[in-house]
């Protein structure tokens, strides 16, 4: 039996996941836990009072207490020491990191074969975060990613966009393994509320929510019936306050609803009730929101950035617009809102695509093949 440590953020309470990588971790575990040939252990730097191990059906989670005093990752020396100690104690056959920055940096010196899934291109995404502190965090993540390269055996890109951008590790790149989406999104009932638009994601500037609100104002001027639900935790308080002021200024208080941070069950209900899903981001790698929408059979209107064009087929599963293009976003939304048959056809096409690409089982099979080839020495160096 192959003993695998999956290293990355894992929810302390499975009903609440914070951010896309944590969601990918959770879904990757759901697929791998079903494989009889895997002895699966999760190591996660977590917000817990003390280190603890939790036993689940088919795997164990080892929560390592994360430092809270310093928010900048390179200052958390105890995190590095304690995480390495936890992995060494497990003595795995292979480590699979779910991020190319902090987790890869921690794992790189350890004497085990290492696979790293890449979820972000730090040099591209960091510029979209406001403030010196956020930019410094992303610079540090990029620094750690560069330092980890020599200790990582294989990188697995989560999108073709990552493959194009990660030229510094091109000799270690494998084929794309897309993010897994849990079965609950494939199973949600299709009960759309007419005109309901859904944004799901953390609220900060990179997501371009202000463009969606401006587009909502334009839709209202045209007399288009709609409502907007914005679901997600607040990543930038100042940006969130600016969005609330924007909604008030534009007279959209009854049309734009901030739903806050939702449980997985509540979020699945939001997807069930959406007519369309909207992602107006300035930068994305392989957004879970788009994949969740596709699994739920919902058409998506999103920006033509990063890995999004590899997910959405223009005119077949959704519409693509340029980042920051309020007029283009308004036109795409208005066109789909006025075409119920077109929406249903796009949603059905998106669901078929998702079933073949994003199920936890199919992604687990791809991951296990990466492990086998690495341990057999089957990759070109």
Protein backbone atom coordinates (compact mmCIF):
# COMPACT_ATOMS: atom_id res chain seq x y z
CA UNK A 1 0.00 0.00 0.00
CA UNK A 2 1.29 3.46 -0.96
CA UNK A 3 1.54 5.86 1.98
CA UNK A 4 0.81 9.39 0.75
CA UNK A 5 0.92 12.65 2.70
CA UNK A 6 -1.31 15.30 1.16
CA UNK A 7 0.10 18.57 2.51
CA UNK A 8 -1.87 21.80 2.41
CA UNK A 9 -4.79 23.65 4.02
CA UNK A 10 -7.62 21.37 5.16
CA UNK A 11 -10.78 22.58 6.93
CA UNK A 12 -11.03 22.07 10.67
CA UNK A 13 -14.80 21.92 10.16
CA UNK A 14 -15.64 20.29 6.80
CA UNK A 15 -18.82 22.39 6.55
CA UNK A 16 -16.71 25.53 6.22
CA UNK A 17 -13.92 25.76 3.67
CA UNK A 18 -11.87 28.92 3.30
CA UNK A 19 -10.53 29.64 -0.16
CA UNK A 20 -10.06 27.64 -3.32
CA UNK A 21 -6.96 25.65 -2.33
CA UNK A 22 -8.62 24.40 0.86
CA UNK A 23 -11.61 23.33 -1.23
CA UNK A 24 -9.33 21.52 -3.69
CA UNK A 25 -7.61 19.77 -0.76
CA UNK A 26 -10.95 18.61 0.60
CA UNK A 27 -12.15 17.32 -2.78
CA UNK A 28 -8.81 15.65 -3.57
CA UNK A 29 -9.07 13.76 -0.28
CA UNK A 30 -12.63 12.68 -1.16
CA UNK A 31 -11.31 11.04 -4.32
CA UNK A 32 -8.12 9.49 -2.93
CA UNK A 33 -9.80 8.06 0.19
CA UNK A 34 -11.74 5.65 -2.03
CA UNK A 35 -8.60 4.03 -3.47
CA UNK A 36 -7.65 0.81 -1.69
CA UNK A 37 -4.01 1.15 -2.70
CA UNK A 38 -3.57 4.45 -0.82
CA UNK A 39 -2.81 4.89 2.89
CA UNK A 40 -3.80 8.55 2.99
CA UNK A 41 -2.67 11.11 5.55
CA UNK A 42 -3.45 14.84 5.43
CA UNK A 43 -1.08 17.32 7.10
CA UNK A 44 -2.49 20.81 7.47
CA UNK A 45 -1.25 23.97 9.16
CA UNK A 46 -4.53 24.90 10.85
CA UNK A 47 -6.13 27.30 13.30
CA UNK A 48 -6.34 24.86 16.19
CA UNK A 49 -5.45 25.30 19.86
CA UNK A 50 -2.98 22.42 19.75
CA UNK A 51 -1.77 19.73 17.36
CA UNK A 52 -4.36 17.00 16.89
CA UNK A 53 -5.12 13.98 14.71
CA UNK A 54 -8.61 13.14 13.50
CA UNK A 55 -9.58 9.78 12.07
CA UNK A 56 -12.07 9.67 9.19
CA UNK A 57 -13.25 6.86 6.95
CA UNK A 58 -10.27 6.07 4.74
CA UNK A 59 -7.81 8.73 5.94
CA UNK A 60 -6.35 10.68 8.86
CA UNK A 61 -5.99 14.44 9.22
CA UNK A 62 -3.05 15.76 11.22
CA UNK A 63 -3.78 19.39 12.15
CA UNK A 64 -0.56 21.22 13.06
CA UNK A 65 -1.13 24.40 15.05
CA UNK A 66 -0.41 27.41 12.87
CA UNK A 67 1.23 30.51 14.28
CA UNK A 68 -1.14 33.46 14.48
CA UNK A 69 1.15 36.20 15.73
CA UNK A 70 2.90 36.88 12.44
CA UNK A 71 0.89 36.88 9.24
CA UNK A 72 3.85 36.89 6.86
CA UNK A 73 4.73 33.29 5.97
CA UNK A 74 8.53 33.47 6.20
CA UNK A 75 8.26 34.68 9.79
CA UNK A 76 6.44 31.51 10.86
CA UNK A 77 9.54 29.47 11.64
CA UNK A 78 7.65 27.25 14.09
CA UNK A 79 5.21 26.37 11.30
CA UNK A 80 8.09 25.17 9.15
CA UNK A 81 9.70 23.16 11.95
CA UNK A 82 6.47 21.60 13.21
CA UNK A 83 5.10 20.71 9.77
CA UNK A 84 8.35 19.03 8.77
CA UNK A 85 8.38 17.12 12.04
CA UNK A 86 4.80 15.92 11.46
CA UNK A 87 5.63 14.69 7.94
CA UNK A 88 8.82 12.95 9.06
CA UNK A 89 6.89 11.21 11.82
CA UNK A 90 4.52 9.76 9.22
CA UNK A 91 7.45 8.65 7.02
CA UNK A 92 5.46 8.58 3.74
CA UNK A 93 6.35 7.06 0.40
CA UNK A 94 5.40 10.34 -1.30
CA UNK A 95 4.38 13.91 -0.46
CA UNK A 96 1.76 15.70 -2.56
CA UNK A 97 1.72 19.46 -1.83
CA UNK A 98 -1.34 21.45 -2.78
CA UNK A 99 0.52 24.69 -3.33
CA UNK A 100 3.79 25.70 -4.96
CA UNK A 101 4.74 28.38 -2.40
CA UNK A 102 4.65 27.87 1.36
CA UNK A 103 3.90 24.12 1.44
CA UNK A 104 6.39 23.32 -1.33
CA UNK A 105 9.06 25.35 0.48
CA UNK A 106 8.45 23.45 3.73
CA UNK A 107 8.55 20.07 1.97
CA UNK A 108 11.47 20.68 -0.38
CA UNK A 109 14.34 19.63 1.98
CA UNK A 110 12.57 16.44 3.09
CA UNK A 111 13.97 13.20 1.66
CA UNK A 112 10.76 11.90 0.09
CA UNK A 113 9.53 12.05 -3.52
CA UNK A 114 7.50 15.24 -3.92
CA UNK A 115 4.66 16.22 -6.25
CA UNK A 116 3.35 19.80 -6.20
CA UNK A 117 0.04 20.93 -7.66
CA UNK A 118 0.27 24.55 -8.84
CA UNK A 119 -2.80 26.68 -8.12
CA UNK A 120 -1.35 30.17 -8.55
CA UNK A 121 1.21 32.04 -10.61
CA UNK A 122 2.35 34.38 -7.85
CA UNK A 123 4.07 37.00 -10.00
CA UNK A 124 0.85 37.50 -12.00
CA UNK A 125 -1.66 37.47 -9.16
CA UNK A 126 0.19 39.51 -6.55
CA UNK A 127 -0.19 42.76 -8.49
CA UNK A 128 -3.97 42.59 -8.01
CA UNK A 129 -3.83 42.76 -4.21
CA UNK A 130 -3.98 46.22 -2.60
CA UNK A 131 -1.53 47.45 -0.01
CA UNK A 132 2.11 46.87 0.74
CA UNK A 133 1.43 44.01 3.16
CA UNK A 134 -0.48 41.95 0.59
CA UNK A 135 2.13 42.58 -2.09
CA UNK A 136 4.87 41.56 0.36
CA UNK A 137 3.00 38.32 1.12
CA UNK A 138 2.84 37.45 -2.57
CA UNK A 139 6.48 38.37 -3.08
CA UNK A 140 7.34 35.99 -0.25
CA UNK A 141 5.20 33.22 -1.72
CA UNK A 142 7.00 33.69 -5.02
CA UNK A 143 10.37 33.68 -3.25
CA UNK A 144 9.53 30.43 -1.46
CA UNK A 145 8.28 28.88 -4.70
CA UNK A 146 11.60 29.66 -6.40
CA UNK A 147 13.58 28.28 -3.46
CA UNK A 148 11.57 25.05 -3.50
CA UNK A 149 12.18 24.18 -7.16
CA UNK A 150 15.35 22.15 -6.67
CA UNK A 151 13.66 19.96 -4.02
CA UNK A 152 10.46 19.22 -5.96
CA UNK A 153 10.38 16.23 -8.28
CA UNK A 154 7.27 17.00 -10.36
CA UNK A 155 4.87 19.90 -10.77
CA UNK A 156 1.26 19.29 -11.76
CA UNK A 157 -0.43 22.36 -13.31
CA UNK A 158 -4.12 22.89 -12.51
CA UNK A 159 -4.70 24.58 -15.88
CA UNK A 160 -3.08 25.08 -19.27
CA UNK A 161 -2.50 28.69 -18.22
CA UNK A 162 -0.15 27.45 -15.46
CA UNK A 163 1.69 25.27 -17.98
CA UNK A 164 2.30 28.31 -20.20
CA UNK A 165 3.42 30.60 -17.40
CA UNK A 166 5.63 28.27 -15.31
CA UNK A 167 8.53 28.28 -17.74
CA UNK A 168 11.08 28.09 -14.91
CA UNK A 169 9.94 24.53 -14.08
CA UNK A 170 8.97 23.39 -17.59
CA UNK A 171 11.34 20.41 -17.32
CA UNK A 172 9.42 19.17 -14.27
CA UNK A 173 5.87 19.85 -15.46
CA UNK A 174 3.35 17.08 -15.99
CA UNK A 175 0.09 17.20 -17.93
CA UNK A 176 -2.74 19.29 -16.50
CA UNK A 177 -4.81 17.75 -13.69
CA UNK A 178 -7.84 19.96 -13.20
CA UNK A 179 -9.42 20.67 -9.81
CA UNK A 180 -11.91 18.09 -8.51
CA UNK A 181 -15.49 19.13 -7.71
CA UNK A 182 -17.48 17.27 -5.07
CA UNK A 183 -20.50 15.23 -6.07
CA UNK A 184 -22.93 17.50 -4.22
CA UNK A 185 -22.60 20.13 -6.96
CA UNK A 186 -23.40 17.59 -9.66
CA UNK A 187 -26.46 16.55 -7.63
CA UNK A 188 -27.95 19.98 -6.85
CA UNK A 189 -31.51 20.36 -8.17
CA UNK A 190 -31.94 22.81 -11.02
CA UNK A 191 -34.39 25.28 -9.45
CA UNK A 192 -33.36 28.67 -10.84
CA UNK A 193 -34.92 31.88 -9.62
CA UNK A 194 -35.63 33.90 -12.75
CA UNK A 195 -32.98 36.56 -13.30
CA UNK A 196 -30.82 35.48 -10.33
CA UNK A 197 -27.11 36.18 -10.89
CA UNK A 198 -24.61 34.58 -8.52
CA UNK A 199 -21.07 35.61 -7.66
CA UNK A 200 -19.31 33.16 -5.32
CA UNK A 201 -15.84 33.86 -3.98
CA UNK A 202 -13.79 35.83 -1.50
CA UNK A 203 -14.54 39.55 -1.58
CA UNK A 204 -11.45 41.47 -2.58
CA UNK A 205 -10.35 43.58 -5.52
CA UNK A 206 -8.97 40.82 -7.74
CA UNK A 207 -12.50 39.45 -8.18
CA UNK A 208 -13.74 42.60 -9.96
CA UNK A 209 -17.06 42.74 -8.09
CA UNK A 210 -17.33 46.49 -8.62
CA UNK A 211 -17.60 45.81 -12.37
CA UNK A 212 -20.51 43.43 -11.74
CA UNK A 213 -22.27 46.07 -9.64
CA UNK A 214 -21.81 48.68 -12.39
CA UNK A 215 -23.20 46.16 -14.89
CA UNK A 216 -26.17 45.59 -12.59
CA UNK A 217 -26.87 49.33 -12.65
CA UNK A 218 -26.79 49.27 -16.45
CA UNK A 219 -29.17 46.29 -16.52
CA UNK A 220 -31.57 48.20 -14.30
CA UNK A 221 -31.44 51.21 -16.63
CA UNK A 222 -32.37 48.91 -19.52
CA UNK A 223 -35.34 47.55 -17.61
CA UNK A 224 -33.90 44.02 -17.42
CA UNK A 225 -35.27 41.97 -14.54
CA UNK A 226 -32.50 40.57 -12.32
CA UNK A 227 -31.12 40.15 -8.83
CA UNK A 228 -27.50 39.64 -7.78
CA UNK A 229 -26.38 37.43 -4.90
CA UNK A 230 -22.78 37.91 -3.75
CA UNK A 231 -21.70 34.93 -1.65
CA UNK A 232 -18.35 34.84 0.10
CA UNK A 233 -16.26 35.93 3.04
CA UNK A 234 -14.65 39.36 3.25
CA UNK A 235 -10.99 39.31 2.25
CA UNK A 236 -10.58 43.11 2.15
CA UNK A 237 -12.72 45.16 4.54
CA UNK A 238 -12.03 48.47 2.80
CA UNK A 239 -12.96 47.02 -0.58
CA UNK A 240 -16.13 45.50 0.86
CA UNK A 241 -17.11 48.86 2.39
CA UNK A 242 -16.56 50.48 -1.01
CA UNK A 243 -18.86 47.93 -2.64
CA UNK A 244 -21.61 48.62 -0.10
CA UNK A 245 -21.25 52.35 -0.78
CA UNK A 246 -21.36 51.71 -4.54
CA UNK A 247 -24.59 49.70 -4.19
CA UNK A 248 -26.14 52.50 -2.13
CA UNK A 249 -24.99 55.22 -4.54
CA UNK A 250 -26.44 53.38 -7.54
CA UNK A 251 -29.76 52.67 -5.84
CA UNK A 252 -29.30 48.90 -6.00
CA UNK A 253 -30.09 48.10 -2.36
CA UNK A 254 -33.00 45.84 -3.33
CA UNK A 255 -31.17 44.25 -6.27
CA UNK A 256 -27.71 43.34 -4.92
CA UNK A 257 -27.65 41.10 -1.85
CA UNK A 258 -24.47 40.26 0.08
CA UNK A 259 -24.98 36.74 1.43
CA UNK A 260 -21.75 36.54 3.45
CA UNK A 261 -19.70 33.44 4.18
CA UNK A 262 -21.86 30.35 3.63
CA UNK A 263 -21.77 26.72 4.65
CA UNK A 264 -21.27 24.18 1.88
CA UNK A 265 -24.96 23.31 2.01
CA UNK A 266 -25.96 26.96 1.76
CA UNK A 267 -23.56 27.59 -1.11
CA UNK A 268 -24.88 24.58 -3.03
CA UNK A 269 -28.39 26.03 -2.64
CA UNK A 270 -27.17 29.32 -4.11
CA UNK A 271 -25.91 27.48 -7.18
CA UNK A 272 -29.19 25.58 -7.43
CA UNK A 273 -31.17 28.83 -7.47
CA UNK A 274 -28.90 30.76 -9.83
CA UNK A 275 -29.95 31.48 -13.40
CA UNK A 276 -26.39 32.49 -14.26
CA UNK A 277 -23.05 32.47 -12.47
CA UNK A 278 -20.79 35.51 -12.93
CA UNK A 279 -17.05 35.81 -12.32
CA UNK A 280 -15.71 39.26 -13.34
CA UNK A 281 -12.15 38.70 -12.06
CA UNK A 282 -8.99 40.50 -13.15
CA UNK A 283 -6.89 37.34 -12.63
CA UNK A 284 -7.65 33.64 -12.09
CA UNK A 285 -5.71 30.40 -12.38
CA UNK A 286 -8.40 27.70 -12.42
CA UNK A 287 -11.41 29.09 -10.54
CA UNK A 288 -13.48 26.64 -8.52
CA UNK A 289 -16.55 28.85 -8.93
CA UNK A 290 -16.63 28.19 -12.67
CA UNK A 291 -16.18 24.46 -12.19
CA UNK A 292 -18.88 24.32 -9.49
CA UNK A 293 -21.26 26.20 -11.77
CA UNK A 294 -20.57 23.80 -14.63
CA UNK A 295 -21.14 20.79 -12.35
CA UNK A 296 -24.45 22.32 -11.29
CA UNK A 297 -25.44 22.82 -14.92
CA UNK A 298 -25.30 26.61 -14.88
CA UNK A 299 -23.99 28.83 -17.69
CA UNK A 300 -21.18 31.17 -16.70
CA UNK A 301 -20.29 34.70 -17.74
CA UNK A 302 -16.66 35.32 -16.84
CA UNK A 303 -13.61 37.30 -17.84
CA UNK A 304 -11.10 36.10 -20.39
CA UNK A 305 -8.20 35.76 -17.92
CA UNK A 306 -5.78 33.04 -16.80
CA UNK A 307 -7.22 29.55 -17.05
CA UNK A 308 -10.85 30.63 -17.52
CA UNK A 309 -10.92 30.20 -21.34
CA UNK A 310 -9.91 26.55 -20.87
CA UNK A 311 -13.01 26.03 -18.73
CA UNK A 312 -15.66 28.02 -20.58
CA UNK A 313 -16.33 27.36 -24.24
CA UNK A 314 -17.54 30.65 -25.69
CA UNK A 315 -21.16 30.38 -26.76
CA UNK A 316 -21.43 26.72 -25.69
CA UNK A 317 -21.10 26.70 -21.90
CA UNK A 318 -21.07 30.43 -21.27
CA UNK A 319 -19.76 33.80 -22.37
CA UNK A 320 -16.34 35.41 -22.05
CA UNK A 321 -15.69 39.15 -21.73
CA UNK A 322 -12.62 41.28 -21.15
CA UNK A 323 -11.65 42.10 -17.56
CA UNK A 324 -12.94 45.50 -16.47
CA UNK A 325 -15.30 45.80 -19.47
CA UNK A 326 -18.57 46.89 -17.87
CA UNK A 327 -20.36 47.35 -21.20
CA UNK A 328 -19.28 43.94 -22.45
CA UNK A 329 -20.35 42.28 -19.20
CA UNK A 330 -23.71 44.07 -19.30
CA UNK A 331 -24.36 42.98 -22.89
CA UNK A 332 -23.43 39.34 -22.17
CA UNK A 333 -25.68 39.22 -19.10
CA UNK A 334 -28.58 40.93 -20.85
CA UNK A 335 -28.30 38.57 -23.81
CA UNK A 336 -28.45 35.43 -21.65
CA UNK A 337 -31.12 36.77 -19.31
CA UNK A 338 -33.38 37.28 -22.32
CA UNK A 339 -32.75 33.77 -23.70
CA UNK A 340 -34.00 31.02 -21.33
CA UNK A 341 -33.61 28.29 -23.94
CA UNK A 342 -30.05 29.34 -24.61
CA UNK A 343 -29.28 29.34 -20.88
CA UNK A 344 -30.63 25.82 -20.48
CA UNK A 345 -28.63 24.55 -23.47
CA UNK A 346 -25.43 26.14 -22.17
CA UNK A 347 -26.02 24.74 -18.70
CA UNK A 348 -26.55 21.22 -20.06
CA UNK A 349 -23.36 21.45 -22.15
CA UNK A 350 -21.41 22.72 -19.14
CA UNK A 351 -22.62 19.84 -16.98
CA UNK A 352 -21.55 17.24 -19.54
CA UNK A 353 -18.10 18.80 -19.66
CA UNK A 354 -17.85 18.86 -15.87
CA UNK A 355 -18.86 15.21 -15.53
CA UNK A 356 -16.05 14.09 -17.80
CA UNK A 357 -13.37 16.39 -16.36
CA UNK A 358 -13.98 17.35 -12.72
CA UNK A 359 -15.42 14.41 -10.78
CA UNK A 360 -13.39 13.47 -7.68
CA UNK A 361 -12.96 9.94 -8.99
CA UNK A 362 -11.54 10.93 -12.38
CA UNK A 363 -9.13 13.44 -10.78
CA UNK A 364 -8.03 10.86 -8.18
CA UNK A 365 -7.21 8.42 -10.99
CA UNK A 366 -5.04 11.06 -12.67
CA UNK A 367 -3.25 11.84 -9.40
CA UNK A 368 -2.51 8.20 -8.65
CA UNK A 369 -1.05 7.79 -12.13
CA UNK A 370 1.30 10.72 -11.42
CA UNK A 371 2.37 9.01 -8.18
CA UNK A 372 2.98 5.68 -9.91
CA UNK A 373 5.07 7.18 -12.67
CA UNK A 374 7.17 9.21 -10.25
CA UNK A 375 7.89 6.23 -8.00
CA UNK A 376 8.75 4.06 -11.01
CA UNK A 377 11.07 6.73 -12.37
CA UNK A 378 8.85 7.03 -15.42
CA UNK A 379 9.23 10.78 -15.98
CA UNK A 380 11.81 12.49 -18.11
CA UNK A 381 14.09 14.55 -15.85
